[in-house]
């Protein structure tokens, strides 16, 4: 994905999967990654912690609105 931005930060991988599932159902491409805080807490391993939801910049407003409605 080109030109991606952080849409939201959630507390776990499970939460990130739920949000991304909602976005994908609406046709919005997304992915998630562990935050720097989460990676630092586990010495660089991505074993858990907060996740950033990433979407294309052009989809940001629609994605935020969709998640807020839910």
C-alpha atoms as a PDB file:
ATOM      1  CA  UNK A   1       0.000   0.000   0.000  1.00  0.00           C
ATOM      2  CA  UNK A   2       1.363   3.371  -1.002  1.00  0.00           C
ATOM      3  CA  UNK A   3       0.957   6.544   1.029  1.00  0.00           C
ATOM      4  CA  UNK A   4      -0.368   4.941   4.199  1.00  0.00           C
ATOM      5  CA  UNK A   5      -1.216   6.682   7.456  1.00  0.00           C
ATOM      6  CA  UNK A   6      -2.058   5.507  10.960  1.00  0.00           C
ATOM      7  CA  UNK A   7      -5.814   5.612  11.328  1.00  0.00           C
ATOM      8  CA  UNK A   8      -6.039   4.452  14.937  1.00  0.00           C
ATOM      9  CA  UNK A   9      -4.122   2.601  17.626  1.00  0.00           C
ATOM     10  CA  UNK A  10      -5.801  -0.303  19.405  1.00  0.00           C
ATOM     11  CA  UNK A  11      -4.715  -2.398  22.357  1.00  0.00           C
ATOM     12  CA  UNK A  12      -4.191  -5.815  20.779  1.00  0.00           C
ATOM     13  CA  UNK A  13      -3.835  -7.821  17.602  1.00  0.00           C
ATOM     14  CA  UNK A  14      -7.355  -9.187  18.072  1.00  0.00           C
ATOM     15  CA  UNK A  15      -8.811  -5.667  18.171  1.00  0.00           C
ATOM     16  CA  UNK A  16      -6.789  -4.724  15.102  1.00  0.00           C
ATOM     17  CA  UNK A  17      -8.146  -7.731  13.212  1.00  0.00           C
ATOM     18  CA  UNK A  18     -11.722  -6.776  14.112  1.00  0.00           C
ATOM     19  CA  UNK A  19     -11.271  -3.186  12.922  1.00  0.00           C
ATOM     20  CA  UNK A  20      -9.515  -4.279   9.729  1.00  0.00           C
ATOM     21  CA  UNK A  21     -12.270  -6.814   9.055  1.00  0.00           C
ATOM     22  CA  UNK A  22     -14.865  -4.053   9.304  1.00  0.00           C
ATOM     23  CA  UNK A  23     -12.854  -1.817   6.972  1.00  0.00           C
ATOM     24  CA  UNK A  24     -12.221  -4.570   4.431  1.00  0.00           C
ATOM     25  CA  UNK A  25     -15.928  -5.402   4.357  1.00  0.00           C
ATOM     26  CA  UNK A  26     -16.491  -1.788   3.299  1.00  0.00           C
ATOM     27  CA  UNK A  27     -13.849  -2.096   0.568  1.00  0.00           C
ATOM     28  CA  UNK A  28     -11.103  -0.197   2.399  1.00  0.00           C
ATOM     29  CA  UNK A  29      -7.654  -1.762   2.246  1.00  0.00           C
ATOM     30  CA  UNK A  30      -5.864  -1.826   5.572  1.00  0.00           C
ATOM     31  CA  UNK A  31      -3.203  -3.562   7.566  1.00  0.00           C
ATOM     32  CA  UNK A  32      -1.871  -3.343  11.095  1.00  0.00           C
ATOM     33  CA  UNK A  33       1.502  -3.392  12.768  1.00  0.00           C
ATOM     34  CA  UNK A  34       2.845  -3.409  16.284  1.00  0.00           C
ATOM     35  CA  UNK A  35       3.614   0.046  17.661  1.00  0.00           C
ATOM     36  CA  UNK A  36       7.120   1.087  18.654  1.00  0.00           C
ATOM     37  CA  UNK A  37       5.963   0.945  22.280  1.00  0.00           C
ATOM     38  CA  UNK A  38       4.734  -2.618  21.887  1.00  0.00           C
ATOM     39  CA  UNK A  39       7.920  -3.729  20.147  1.00  0.00           C
ATOM     40  CA  UNK A  40      10.106  -2.037  22.766  1.00  0.00           C
ATOM     41  CA  UNK A  41       8.250  -3.691  25.602  1.00  0.00           C
ATOM     42  CA  UNK A  42       9.156  -7.088  24.141  1.00  0.00           C
ATOM     43  CA  UNK A  43      12.754  -6.266  23.151  1.00  0.00           C
ATOM     44  CA  UNK A  44      11.817  -5.943  19.473  1.00  0.00           C
ATOM     45  CA  UNK A  45       9.678  -9.068  19.242  1.00  0.00           C
ATOM     46  CA  UNK A  46       6.147  -8.607  17.975  1.00  0.00           C
ATOM     47  CA  UNK A  47       4.513 -10.851  20.550  1.00  0.00           C
ATOM     48  CA  UNK A  48       1.741  -8.515  21.629  1.00  0.00           C
ATOM     49  CA  UNK A  49       0.839  -5.025  22.675  1.00  0.00           C
ATOM     50  CA  UNK A  50      -0.710  -2.044  20.957  1.00  0.00           C
ATOM     51  CA  UNK A  51      -1.254  -2.175  17.189  1.00  0.00           C
ATOM     52  CA  UNK A  52      -1.504   0.636  14.628  1.00  0.00           C
ATOM     53  CA  UNK A  53      -4.198   0.356  11.978  1.00  0.00           C
ATOM     54  CA  UNK A  54      -2.880   1.626   8.638  1.00  0.00           C
ATOM     55  CA  UNK A  55      -5.022   2.811   5.722  1.00  0.00           C
ATOM     56  CA  UNK A  56      -4.403   4.750   2.550  1.00  0.00           C
ATOM     57  CA  UNK A  57      -4.402   8.488   3.096  1.00  0.00           C
ATOM     58  CA  UNK A  58      -7.258   8.857   0.603  1.00  0.00           C
ATOM     59  CA  UNK A  59      -9.410   6.424   2.640  1.00  0.00           C
ATOM     60  CA  UNK A  60      -8.692   7.926   6.059  1.00  0.00           C
ATOM     61  CA  UNK A  61     -11.821  10.071   6.465  1.00  0.00           C
ATOM     62  CA  UNK A  62     -14.140   7.288   5.307  1.00  0.00           C
ATOM     63  CA  UNK A  63     -12.397   4.721   7.520  1.00  0.00           C
ATOM     64  CA  UNK A  64     -12.630   6.942  10.602  1.00  0.00           C
ATOM     65  CA  UNK A  65     -16.303   7.636   9.972  1.00  0.00           C
ATOM     66  CA  UNK A  66     -17.048   3.940   9.500  1.00  0.00           C
ATOM     67  CA  UNK A  67     -15.329   2.947  12.744  1.00  0.00           C
ATOM     68  CA  UNK A  68     -16.983   5.753  14.708  1.00  0.00           C
ATOM     69  CA  UNK A  69     -20.426   4.611  13.487  1.00  0.00           C
ATOM     70  CA  UNK A  70     -19.786   1.152  14.919  1.00  0.00           C
END
